[in-house]
């Protein structure tokens, strides 16, 4: 895997380039003194249904009819 390490002060001028590299699978590290952060492309993550049960709950009135006047223009 290709690794790119840059100083945080270079980030503003190279962000688009670095995001493309991350999307292609490169490891992009941003350093600021003794702190290192990793730029990760979220589009590459896969969501697994049921992985976090209970993290999203439907309201009890989810299937109730909607008030049309509230949503209509005019």
C-alpha atoms as a PDB file:
ATOM      1  CA  UNK A   1       0.000   0.000   0.000  1.00  0.00           C
ATOM      2  CA  UNK A   2       1.232   3.472  -0.905  1.00  0.00           C
ATOM      3  CA  UNK A   3       1.721   5.816   2.070  1.00  0.00           C
ATOM      4  CA  UNK A   4       1.750   9.617   1.822  1.00  0.00           C
ATOM      5  CA  UNK A   5       2.782  11.678   4.851  1.00  0.00           C
ATOM      6  CA  UNK A   6       2.402  15.474   4.843  1.00  0.00           C
ATOM      7  CA  UNK A   7       2.662  18.333   7.305  1.00  0.00           C
ATOM      8  CA  UNK A   8      -0.674  19.841   8.369  1.00  0.00           C
ATOM      9  CA  UNK A   9       0.321  23.192   6.840  1.00  0.00           C
ATOM     10  CA  UNK A  10       0.362  21.572   3.378  1.00  0.00           C
ATOM     11  CA  UNK A  11      -3.174  20.233   3.774  1.00  0.00           C
ATOM     12  CA  UNK A  12      -5.232  23.176   2.442  1.00  0.00           C
ATOM     13  CA  UNK A  13      -3.409  23.254  -0.899  1.00  0.00           C
ATOM     14  CA  UNK A  14      -3.412  19.475  -1.401  1.00  0.00           C
ATOM     15  CA  UNK A  15      -6.695  18.306   0.123  1.00  0.00           C
ATOM     16  CA  UNK A  16      -8.388  17.354  -3.168  1.00  0.00           C
ATOM     17  CA  UNK A  17      -5.323  15.403  -4.292  1.00  0.00           C
ATOM     18  CA  UNK A  18      -5.041  13.618  -0.945  1.00  0.00           C
ATOM     19  CA  UNK A  19      -8.730  12.711  -0.891  1.00  0.00           C
ATOM     20  CA  UNK A  20      -8.354  11.080  -4.315  1.00  0.00           C
ATOM     21  CA  UNK A  21      -5.316   9.149  -3.104  1.00  0.00           C
ATOM     22  CA  UNK A  22      -7.236   7.955  -0.031  1.00  0.00           C
ATOM     23  CA  UNK A  23     -10.164   6.896  -2.229  1.00  0.00           C
ATOM     24  CA  UNK A  24      -7.721   4.856  -4.334  1.00  0.00           C
ATOM     25  CA  UNK A  25      -6.528   3.037  -1.207  1.00  0.00           C
ATOM     26  CA  UNK A  26      -3.401   5.005  -0.285  1.00  0.00           C
ATOM     27  CA  UNK A  27      -2.656   5.586   3.394  1.00  0.00           C
ATOM     28  CA  UNK A  28      -2.668   9.370   3.889  1.00  0.00           C
ATOM     29  CA  UNK A  29      -1.113  10.620   7.138  1.00  0.00           C
ATOM     30  CA  UNK A  30      -1.222  14.256   8.278  1.00  0.00           C
ATOM     31  CA  UNK A  31       1.310  15.293  10.917  1.00  0.00           C
ATOM     32  CA  UNK A  32       1.257  18.278  13.261  1.00  0.00           C
ATOM     33  CA  UNK A  33       4.166  18.138  15.638  1.00  0.00           C
ATOM     34  CA  UNK A  34       3.827  14.905  17.572  1.00  0.00           C
ATOM     35  CA  UNK A  35       0.249  14.233  16.451  1.00  0.00           C
ATOM     36  CA  UNK A  36      -0.542  12.120  13.390  1.00  0.00           C
ATOM     37  CA  UNK A  37      -4.017  11.812  11.835  1.00  0.00           C
ATOM     38  CA  UNK A  38      -5.117   9.460   9.077  1.00  0.00           C
ATOM     39  CA  UNK A  39      -7.301  10.579   6.169  1.00  0.00           C
ATOM     40  CA  UNK A  40      -9.797   7.812   5.369  1.00  0.00           C
ATOM     41  CA  UNK A  41     -12.204   7.620   2.419  1.00  0.00           C
ATOM     42  CA  UNK A  42     -15.617   6.837   3.922  1.00  0.00           C
ATOM     43  CA  UNK A  43     -17.039   5.777   0.559  1.00  0.00           C
ATOM     44  CA  UNK A  44     -14.940   2.633   0.833  1.00  0.00           C
ATOM     45  CA  UNK A  45     -16.571   1.514   4.066  1.00  0.00           C
ATOM     46  CA  UNK A  46     -19.308  -1.081   3.830  1.00  0.00           C
ATOM     47  CA  UNK A  47     -22.363  -0.831   6.041  1.00  0.00           C
ATOM     48  CA  UNK A  48     -23.719  -4.057   7.456  1.00  0.00           C
ATOM     49  CA  UNK A  49     -27.423  -4.183   8.234  1.00  0.00           C
ATOM     50  CA  UNK A  50     -28.027  -5.123  11.850  1.00  0.00           C
ATOM     51  CA  UNK A  51     -24.521  -4.300  13.010  1.00  0.00           C
ATOM     52  CA  UNK A  52     -25.732  -1.781  15.617  1.00  0.00           C
ATOM     53  CA  UNK A  53     -29.184  -2.932  16.740  1.00  0.00           C
ATOM     54  CA  UNK A  54     -31.208  -0.306  18.554  1.00  0.00           C
ATOM     55  CA  UNK A  55     -29.169   2.602  17.192  1.00  0.00           C
ATOM     56  CA  UNK A  56     -32.104   3.723  15.042  1.00  0.00           C
ATOM     57  CA  UNK A  57     -35.708   3.508  16.177  1.00  0.00           C
ATOM     58  CA  UNK A  58     -38.887   4.305  14.210  1.00  0.00           C
ATOM     59  CA  UNK A  59     -41.352   6.634  15.834  1.00  0.00           C
ATOM     60  CA  UNK A  60     -44.686   5.090  16.783  1.00  0.00           C
ATOM     61  CA  UNK A  61     -46.497   7.442  14.370  1.00  0.00           C
ATOM     62  CA  UNK A  62     -44.257   6.530  11.397  1.00  0.00           C
ATOM     63  CA  UNK A  63     -47.104   4.977   9.359  1.00  0.00           C
ATOM     64  CA  UNK A  64     -49.751   7.552  10.332  1.00  0.00           C
ATOM     65  CA  UNK A  65     -51.180   9.715   7.513  1.00  0.00           C
ATOM     66  CA  UNK A  66     -49.358  13.014   6.983  1.00  0.00           C
ATOM     67  CA  UNK A  67     -51.040  16.402   7.270  1.00  0.00           C
ATOM     68  CA  UNK A  68     -51.224  17.419   3.581  1.00  0.00           C
ATOM     69  CA  UNK A  69     -51.670  21.147   4.339  1.00  0.00           C
ATOM     70  CA  UNK A  70     -48.362  21.126   6.153  1.00  0.00           C
ATOM     71  CA  UNK A  71     -46.508  19.786   3.076  1.00  0.00           C
ATOM     72  CA  UNK A  72     -48.380  21.484   0.211  1.00  0.00           C
ATOM     73  CA  UNK A  73     -47.229  24.830  -1.254  1.00  0.00           C
ATOM     74  CA  UNK A  74     -49.527  27.730  -0.880  1.00  0.00           C
END
